[in-house]
Amino acid sequence: SDYVRAYVRFDTIYTIHTNMNEIMS
């Protein structure tokens, strides 16, 4: 369960980072 939550957090952060890069570009 901890691994799943960590993965979800990482995936969310990565998605936000990717979207921000696209918006900034």
PDB file of all heavy atoms in Angstrom:
ATOM      1  N   SER A   1       0.827  -1.206   0.000  1.00  0.00           N
ATOM      2  CA  SER A   1       0.000   0.000   0.000  1.00  0.00           C
ATOM      3  C   SER A   1       0.863   1.259   0.000  1.00  0.00           C
ATOM      4  O   SER A   1       0.561   2.240  -0.687  1.00  0.00           O
ATOM      5  CB  SER A   1      -0.928  -0.007   1.209  1.00  0.00           C
ATOM      6  OG  SER A   1      -1.701   1.163   1.255  1.00  0.00           O
ATOM      7  N   ASP A   2       1.967   1.229   0.766  1.00  0.00           N
ATOM      8  CA  ASP A   2       2.892   2.371   0.785  1.00  0.00           C
ATOM      9  C   ASP A   2       3.524   2.574  -0.588  1.00  0.00           C
ATOM     10  O   ASP A   2       3.683   3.705  -1.045  1.00  0.00           O
ATOM     11  CB  ASP A   2       3.993   2.141   1.825  1.00  0.00           C
ATOM     12  CG  ASP A   2       3.442   2.210   3.245  1.00  0.00           C
ATOM     13  OD1 ASP A   2       2.352   2.808   3.427  1.00  0.00           O
ATOM     14  OD2 ASP A   2       4.109   1.666   4.145  1.00  0.00           O
ATOM     15  N   TYR A   3       3.884   1.474  -1.212  1.00  0.00           N
ATOM     16  CA  TYR A   3       4.483   1.564  -2.547  1.00  0.00           C
ATOM     17  C   TYR A   3       3.503   2.156  -3.551  1.00  0.00           C
ATOM     18  O   TYR A   3       3.866   2.968  -4.399  1.00  0.00           O
ATOM     19  CB  TYR A   3       4.937   0.178  -3.026  1.00  0.00           C
ATOM     20  CG  TYR A   3       6.119  -0.378  -2.283  1.00  0.00           C
ATOM     21  CD1 TYR A   3       6.237  -1.748  -2.055  1.00  0.00           C
ATOM     22  CD2 TYR A   3       7.109   0.471  -1.779  1.00  0.00           C
ATOM     23  CE1 TYR A   3       7.310  -2.273  -1.364  1.00  0.00           C
ATOM     24  CE2 TYR A   3       8.194  -0.045  -1.090  1.00  0.00           C
ATOM     25  CZ  TYR A   3       8.289  -1.421  -0.881  1.00  0.00           C
ATOM     26  OH  TYR A   3       9.358  -1.925  -0.201  1.00  0.00           O
ATOM     27  N   VAL A   4       2.257   1.728  -3.461  1.00  0.00           N
ATOM     28  CA  VAL A   4       1.222   2.237  -4.367  1.00  0.00           C
ATOM     29  C   VAL A   4       1.032   3.729  -4.171  1.00  0.00           C
ATOM     30  O   VAL A   4       0.964   4.507  -5.130  1.00  0.00           O
ATOM     31  CB  VAL A   4      -0.112   1.484  -4.155  1.00  0.00           C
ATOM     32  CG1 VAL A   4      -1.243   2.184  -4.928  1.00  0.00           C
ATOM     33  CG2 VAL A   4       0.021   0.039  -4.612  1.00  0.00           C
ATOM     34  N   ARG A   5       0.945   4.166  -2.879  1.00  0.00           N
ATOM     35  CA  ARG A   5       0.770   5.590  -2.598  1.00  0.00           C
ATOM     36  C   ARG A   5       1.971   6.399  -3.092  1.00  0.00           C
ATOM     37  O   ARG A   5       1.817   7.493  -3.648  1.00  0.00           O
ATOM     38  CB  ARG A   5       0.561   5.808  -1.096  1.00  0.00           C
ATOM     39  CG  ARG A   5      -0.829   5.434  -0.602  1.00  0.00           C
ATOM     40  CD  ARG A   5      -1.091   6.023   0.776  1.00  0.00           C
ATOM     41  NE  ARG A   5      -0.203   5.448   1.778  1.00  0.00           N
ATOM     42  CZ  ARG A   5      -0.486   4.377   2.499  1.00  0.00           C
ATOM     43  NH1 ARG A   5      -1.642   3.748   2.317  1.00  0.00           N
ATOM     44  NH2 ARG A   5       0.372   3.916   3.391  1.00  0.00           N
ATOM     45  N   ALA A   6       3.174   5.859  -2.899  1.00  0.00           N
ATOM     46  CA  ALA A   6       4.386   6.554  -3.364  1.00  0.00           C
ATOM     47  C   ALA A   6       4.393   6.668  -4.884  1.00  0.00           C
ATOM     48  O   ALA A   6       4.755   7.702  -5.441  1.00  0.00           O
ATOM     49  CB  ALA A   6       5.633   5.811  -2.882  1.00  0.00           C
ATOM     50  N   TYR A   7       3.971   5.601  -5.538  1.00  0.00           N
ATOM     51  CA  TYR A   7       3.931   5.609  -6.998  1.00  0.00           C
ATOM     52  C   TYR A   7       2.916   6.634  -7.506  1.00  0.00           C
ATOM     53  O   TYR A   7       3.182   7.368  -8.468  1.00  0.00           O
ATOM     54  CB  TYR A   7       3.573   4.216  -7.519  1.00  0.00           C
ATOM     55  CG  TYR A   7       3.399   4.176  -9.023  1.00  0.00           C
ATOM     56  CD1 TYR A   7       4.514   4.131  -9.874  1.00  0.00           C
ATOM     57  CD2 TYR A   7       2.132   4.204  -9.597  1.00  0.00           C
ATOM     58  CE1 TYR A   7       4.352   4.116 -11.248  1.00  0.00           C
ATOM     59  CE2 TYR A   7       1.970   4.193 -10.964  1.00  0.00           C
ATOM     60  CZ  TYR A   7       3.088   4.144 -11.789  1.00  0.00           C
ATOM     61  OH  TYR A   7       2.926   4.128 -13.148  1.00  0.00           O
ATOM     62  N   VAL A   8       1.766   6.668  -6.846  1.00  0.00           N
ATOM     63  CA  VAL A   8       0.723   7.623  -7.245  1.00  0.00           C
ATOM     64  C   VAL A   8       1.229   9.047  -7.081  1.00  0.00           C
ATOM     65  O   VAL A   8       1.015   9.913  -7.937  1.00  0.00           O
ATOM     66  CB  VAL A   8      -0.569   7.400  -6.430  1.00  0.00           C
ATOM     67  CG1 VAL A   8      -1.551   8.537  -6.674  1.00  0.00           C
ATOM     68  CG2 VAL A   8      -1.201   6.060  -6.801  1.00  0.00           C
ATOM     69  N   ARG A   9       1.914   9.304  -5.935  1.00  0.00           N
ATOM     70  CA  ARG A   9       2.462  10.646  -5.723  1.00  0.00           C
ATOM     71  C   ARG A   9       3.471  10.996  -6.814  1.00  0.00           C
ATOM     72  O   ARG A   9       3.470  12.100  -7.361  1.00  0.00           O
ATOM     73  CB  ARG A   9       3.146  10.723  -4.348  1.00  0.00           C
ATOM     74  CG  ARG A   9       2.200  10.672  -3.170  1.00  0.00           C
ATOM     75  CD  ARG A   9       2.904  11.119  -1.902  1.00  0.00           C
ATOM     76  NE  ARG A   9       2.196  10.658  -0.718  1.00  0.00           N
ATOM     77  CZ  ARG A   9       2.524   9.599  -0.007  1.00  0.00           C
ATOM     78  NH1 ARG A   9       3.569   8.870  -0.377  1.00  0.00           N
ATOM     79  NH2 ARG A   9       1.833   9.260   1.063  1.00  0.00           N
ATOM     80  N   PHE A  10       4.377  10.058  -7.095  1.00  0.00           N
ATOM     81  CA  PHE A  10       5.402  10.292  -8.112  1.00  0.00           C
ATOM     82  C   PHE A  10       4.770  10.544  -9.480  1.00  0.00           C
ATOM     83  O   PHE A  10       5.164  11.460 -10.216  1.00  0.00           O
ATOM     84  CB  PHE A  10       6.354   9.096  -8.194  1.00  0.00           C
ATOM     85  CG  PHE A  10       7.360   9.199  -9.310  1.00  0.00           C
ATOM     86  CD1 PHE A  10       8.489   9.992  -9.175  1.00  0.00           C
ATOM     87  CD2 PHE A  10       7.157   8.527 -10.514  1.00  0.00           C
ATOM     88  CE1 PHE A  10       9.408  10.100 -10.205  1.00  0.00           C
ATOM     89  CE2 PHE A  10       8.061   8.628 -11.543  1.00  0.00           C
ATOM     90  CZ  PHE A  10       9.194   9.412 -11.395  1.00  0.00           C
ATOM     91  N   ASP A  11       3.768   9.719  -9.813  1.00  0.00           N
ATOM     92  CA  ASP A  11       3.113   9.866 -11.114  1.00  0.00           C
ATOM     93  C   ASP A  11       2.408  11.208 -11.203  1.00  0.00           C
ATOM     94  O   ASP A  11       2.413  11.864 -12.248  1.00  0.00           O
ATOM     95  CB  ASP A  11       2.112   8.719 -11.307  1.00  0.00           C
ATOM     96  CG  ASP A  11       1.485   8.740 -12.695  1.00  0.00           C
ATOM     97  OD1 ASP A  11       2.230   8.557 -13.682  1.00  0.00           O
ATOM     98  OD2 ASP A  11       0.260   8.952 -12.786  1.00  0.00           O
ATOM     99  N   THR A  12       1.779  11.625 -10.095  1.00  0.00           N
ATOM    100  CA  THR A  12       1.088  12.925 -10.086  1.00  0.00           C
ATOM    101  C   THR A  12       2.078  14.071 -10.265  1.00  0.00           C
ATOM    102  O   THR A  12       1.843  15.001 -11.053  1.00  0.00           O
ATOM    103  CB  THR A  12       0.326  13.103  -8.758  1.00  0.00           C
ATOM    104  OG1 THR A  12      -0.595  12.022  -8.601  1.00  0.00           O
ATOM    105  CG2 THR A  12      -0.430  14.434  -8.756  1.00  0.00           C
ATOM    106  N   ILE A  13       3.188  14.000  -9.509  1.00  0.00           N
ATOM    107  CA  ILE A  13       4.216  15.044  -9.629  1.00  0.00           C
ATOM    108  C   ILE A  13       4.787  15.090 -11.034  1.00  0.00           C
ATOM    109  O   ILE A  13       4.982  16.161 -11.615  1.00  0.00           O
ATOM    110  CB  ILE A  13       5.339  14.811  -8.594  1.00  0.00           C
ATOM    111  CG1 ILE A  13       4.791  14.995  -7.174  1.00  0.00           C
ATOM    112  CG2 ILE A  13       6.517  15.768  -8.841  1.00  0.00           C
ATOM    113  CD1 ILE A  13       5.776  14.589  -6.091  1.00  0.00           C
ATOM    114  N   TYR A  14       5.060  13.929 -11.612  1.00  0.00           N
ATOM    115  CA  TYR A  14       5.619  13.862 -12.967  1.00  0.00           C
ATOM    116  C   TYR A  14       4.646  14.450 -13.986  1.00  0.00           C
ATOM    117  O   TYR A  14       5.041  15.188 -14.890  1.00  0.00           O
ATOM    118  CB  TYR A  14       5.937  12.407 -13.327  1.00  0.00           C
ATOM    119  CG  TYR A  14       6.466  12.232 -14.732  1.00  0.00           C
ATOM    120  CD1 TYR A  14       7.788  12.542 -15.041  1.00  0.00           C
ATOM    121  CD2 TYR A  14       5.625  11.784 -15.749  1.00  0.00           C
ATOM    122  CE1 TYR A  14       8.270  12.396 -16.328  1.00  0.00           C
ATOM    123  CE2 TYR A  14       6.091  11.635 -17.040  1.00  0.00           C
ATOM    124  CZ  TYR A  14       7.419  11.935 -17.327  1.00  0.00           C
ATOM    125  OH  TYR A  14       7.883  11.801 -18.604  1.00  0.00           O
ATOM    126  N   THR A  15       3.346  14.116 -13.807  1.00  0.00           N
ATOM    127  CA  THR A  15       2.330  14.641 -14.727  1.00  0.00           C
ATOM    128  C   THR A  15       2.244  16.154 -14.643  1.00  0.00           C
ATOM    129  O   THR A  15       2.175  16.854 -15.666  1.00  0.00           O
ATOM    130  CB  THR A  15       0.962  14.017 -14.405  1.00  0.00           C
ATOM    131  OG1 THR A  15       1.059  12.599 -14.506  1.00  0.00           O
ATOM    132  CG2 THR A  15      -0.101  14.532 -15.374  1.00  0.00           C
ATOM    133  N   ILE A  16       2.250  16.676 -13.399  1.00  0.00           N
ATOM    134  CA  ILE A  16       2.195  18.132 -13.207  1.00  0.00           C
ATOM    135  C   ILE A  16       3.424  18.791 -13.825  1.00  0.00           C
ATOM    136  O   ILE A  16       3.324  19.815 -14.514  1.00  0.00           O
ATOM    137  CB  ILE A  16       2.091  18.482 -11.708  1.00  0.00           C
ATOM    138  CG1 ILE A  16       0.746  17.992 -11.154  1.00  0.00           C
ATOM    139  CG2 ILE A  16       2.261  19.984 -11.485  1.00  0.00           C
ATOM    140  CD1 ILE A  16       0.630  18.139  -9.645  1.00  0.00           C
ATOM    141  N   HIS A  17       4.604  18.185 -13.583  1.00  0.00           N
ATOM    142  CA  HIS A  17       5.854  18.733 -14.129  1.00  0.00           C
ATOM    143  C   HIS A  17       5.826  18.755 -15.651  1.00  0.00           C
ATOM    144  O   HIS A  17       6.209  19.746 -16.281  1.00  0.00           O
ATOM    145  CB  HIS A  17       7.026  17.893 -13.625  1.00  0.00           C
ATOM    146  CG  HIS A  17       8.355  18.327 -14.184  1.00  0.00           C
ATOM    147  ND1 HIS A  17       8.979  19.495 -13.817  1.00  0.00           N
ATOM    148  CD2 HIS A  17       9.167  17.743 -15.106  1.00  0.00           C
ATOM    149  CE1 HIS A  17      10.113  19.618 -14.463  1.00  0.00           C
ATOM    150  NE2 HIS A  17      10.250  18.562 -15.254  1.00  0.00           N
ATOM    151  N   THR A  18       5.349  17.651 -16.247  1.00  0.00           N
ATOM    152  CA  THR A  18       5.266  17.571 -17.710  1.00  0.00           C
ATOM    153  C   THR A  18       4.310  18.609 -18.262  1.00  0.00           C
ATOM    154  O   THR A  18       4.605  19.297 -19.240  1.00  0.00           O
ATOM    155  CB  THR A  18       4.819  16.165 -18.144  1.00  0.00           C
ATOM    156  OG1 THR A  18       5.730  15.195 -17.630  1.00  0.00           O
ATOM    157  CG2 THR A  18       4.766  16.064 -19.662  1.00  0.00           C
ATOM    158  N   ASN A  19       3.140  18.744 -17.622  1.00  0.00           N
ATOM    159  CA  ASN A  19       2.153  19.728 -18.081  1.00  0.00           C
ATOM    160  C   ASN A  19       2.684  21.149 -17.945  1.00  0.00           C
ATOM    161  O   ASN A  19       2.442  21.993 -18.819  1.00  0.00           O
ATOM    162  CB  ASN A  19       0.853  19.586 -17.291  1.00  0.00           C
ATOM    163  CG  ASN A  19       0.118  18.284 -17.607  1.00  0.00           C
ATOM    164  OD1 ASN A  19       0.312  17.717 -18.686  1.00  0.00           O
ATOM    165  ND2 ASN A  19      -0.716  17.818 -16.690  1.00  0.00           N
ATOM    166  N   MET A  20       3.404  21.417 -16.845  1.00  0.00           N
ATOM    167  CA  MET A  20       3.975  22.752 -16.649  1.00  0.00           C
ATOM    168  C   MET A  20       5.013  23.054 -17.732  1.00  0.00           C
ATOM    169  O   MET A  20       5.077  24.176 -18.256  1.00  0.00           O
ATOM    170  CB  MET A  20       4.611  22.852 -15.265  1.00  0.00           C
ATOM    171  CG  MET A  20       3.605  22.965 -14.129  1.00  0.00           C
ATOM    172  SD  MET A  20       2.588  24.462 -14.244  1.00  0.00           S
ATOM    173  CE  MET A  20       3.840  25.728 -14.043  1.00  0.00           C
ATOM    174  N   ASN A  21       5.832  22.050 -18.065  1.00  0.00           N
ATOM    175  CA  ASN A  21       6.827  22.247 -19.124  1.00  0.00           C
ATOM    176  C   ASN A  21       6.148  22.549 -20.449  1.00  0.00           C
ATOM    177  O   ASN A  21       6.592  23.418 -21.210  1.00  0.00           O
ATOM    178  CB  ASN A  21       7.709  21.003 -19.269  1.00  0.00           C
ATOM    179  CG  ASN A  21       8.761  20.927 -18.181  1.00  0.00           C
ATOM    180  OD1 ASN A  21       9.090  21.934 -17.562  1.00  0.00           O
ATOM    181  ND2 ASN A  21       9.289  19.740 -17.947  1.00  0.00           N
ATOM    182  N   GLU A  22       5.067  21.824 -20.743  1.00  0.00           N
ATOM    183  CA  GLU A  22       4.341  22.060 -21.991  1.00  0.00           C
ATOM    184  C   GLU A  22       3.725  23.451 -22.005  1.00  0.00           C
ATOM    185  O   GLU A  22       3.760  24.146 -23.017  1.00  0.00           O
ATOM    186  CB  GLU A  22       3.257  20.996 -22.170  1.00  0.00           C
ATOM    187  CG  GLU A  22       3.810  19.595 -22.436  1.00  0.00           C
ATOM    188  CD  GLU A  22       2.708  18.560 -22.540  1.00  0.00           C
ATOM    189  OE1 GLU A  22       1.535  18.925 -22.282  1.00  0.00           O
ATOM    190  OE2 GLU A  22       3.022  17.402 -22.867  1.00  0.00           O
ATOM    191  N   ILE A  23       3.163  23.855 -20.852  1.00  0.00           N
ATOM    192  CA  ILE A  23       2.552  25.189 -20.769  1.00  0.00           C
ATOM    193  C   ILE A  23       3.610  26.272 -20.932  1.00  0.00           C
ATOM    194  O   ILE A  23       3.416  27.256 -21.662  1.00  0.00           O
ATOM    195  CB  ILE A  23       1.816  25.353 -19.420  1.00  0.00           C
ATOM    196  CG1 ILE A  23       0.596  24.433 -19.377  1.00  0.00           C
ATOM    197  CG2 ILE A  23       1.391  26.808 -19.208  1.00  0.00           C
ATOM    198  CD1 ILE A  23      -0.067  24.381 -18.017  1.00  0.00           C
ATOM    199  N   MET A  24       4.758  26.093 -20.240  1.00  0.00           N
ATOM    200  CA  MET A  24       5.831  27.081 -20.327  1.00  0.00           C
ATOM    201  C   MET A  24       6.400  27.151 -21.733  1.00  0.00           C
ATOM    202  O   MET A  24       6.693  28.242 -22.240  1.00  0.00           O
ATOM    203  CB  MET A  24       6.933  26.746 -19.317  1.00  0.00           C
ATOM    204  CG  MET A  24       6.528  26.954 -17.869  1.00  0.00           C
ATOM    205  SD  MET A  24       7.831  26.509 -16.704  1.00  0.00           S
ATOM    206  CE  MET A  24       9.051  27.772 -17.096  1.00  0.00           C
ATOM    207  N   SER A  25       6.546  25.983 -22.386  1.00  0.00           N
ATOM    208  CA  SER A  25       7.056  25.963 -23.760  1.00  0.00           C
ATOM    209  C   SER A  25       6.100  26.677 -24.691  1.00  0.00           C
ATOM    210  O   SER A  25       6.506  27.485 -25.529  1.00  0.00           O
ATOM    211  CB  SER A  25       7.274  24.518 -24.222  1.00  0.00           C
ATOM    212  OG  SER A  25       8.228  23.870 -23.425  1.00  0.00           O
TER     213      SER A  25
END
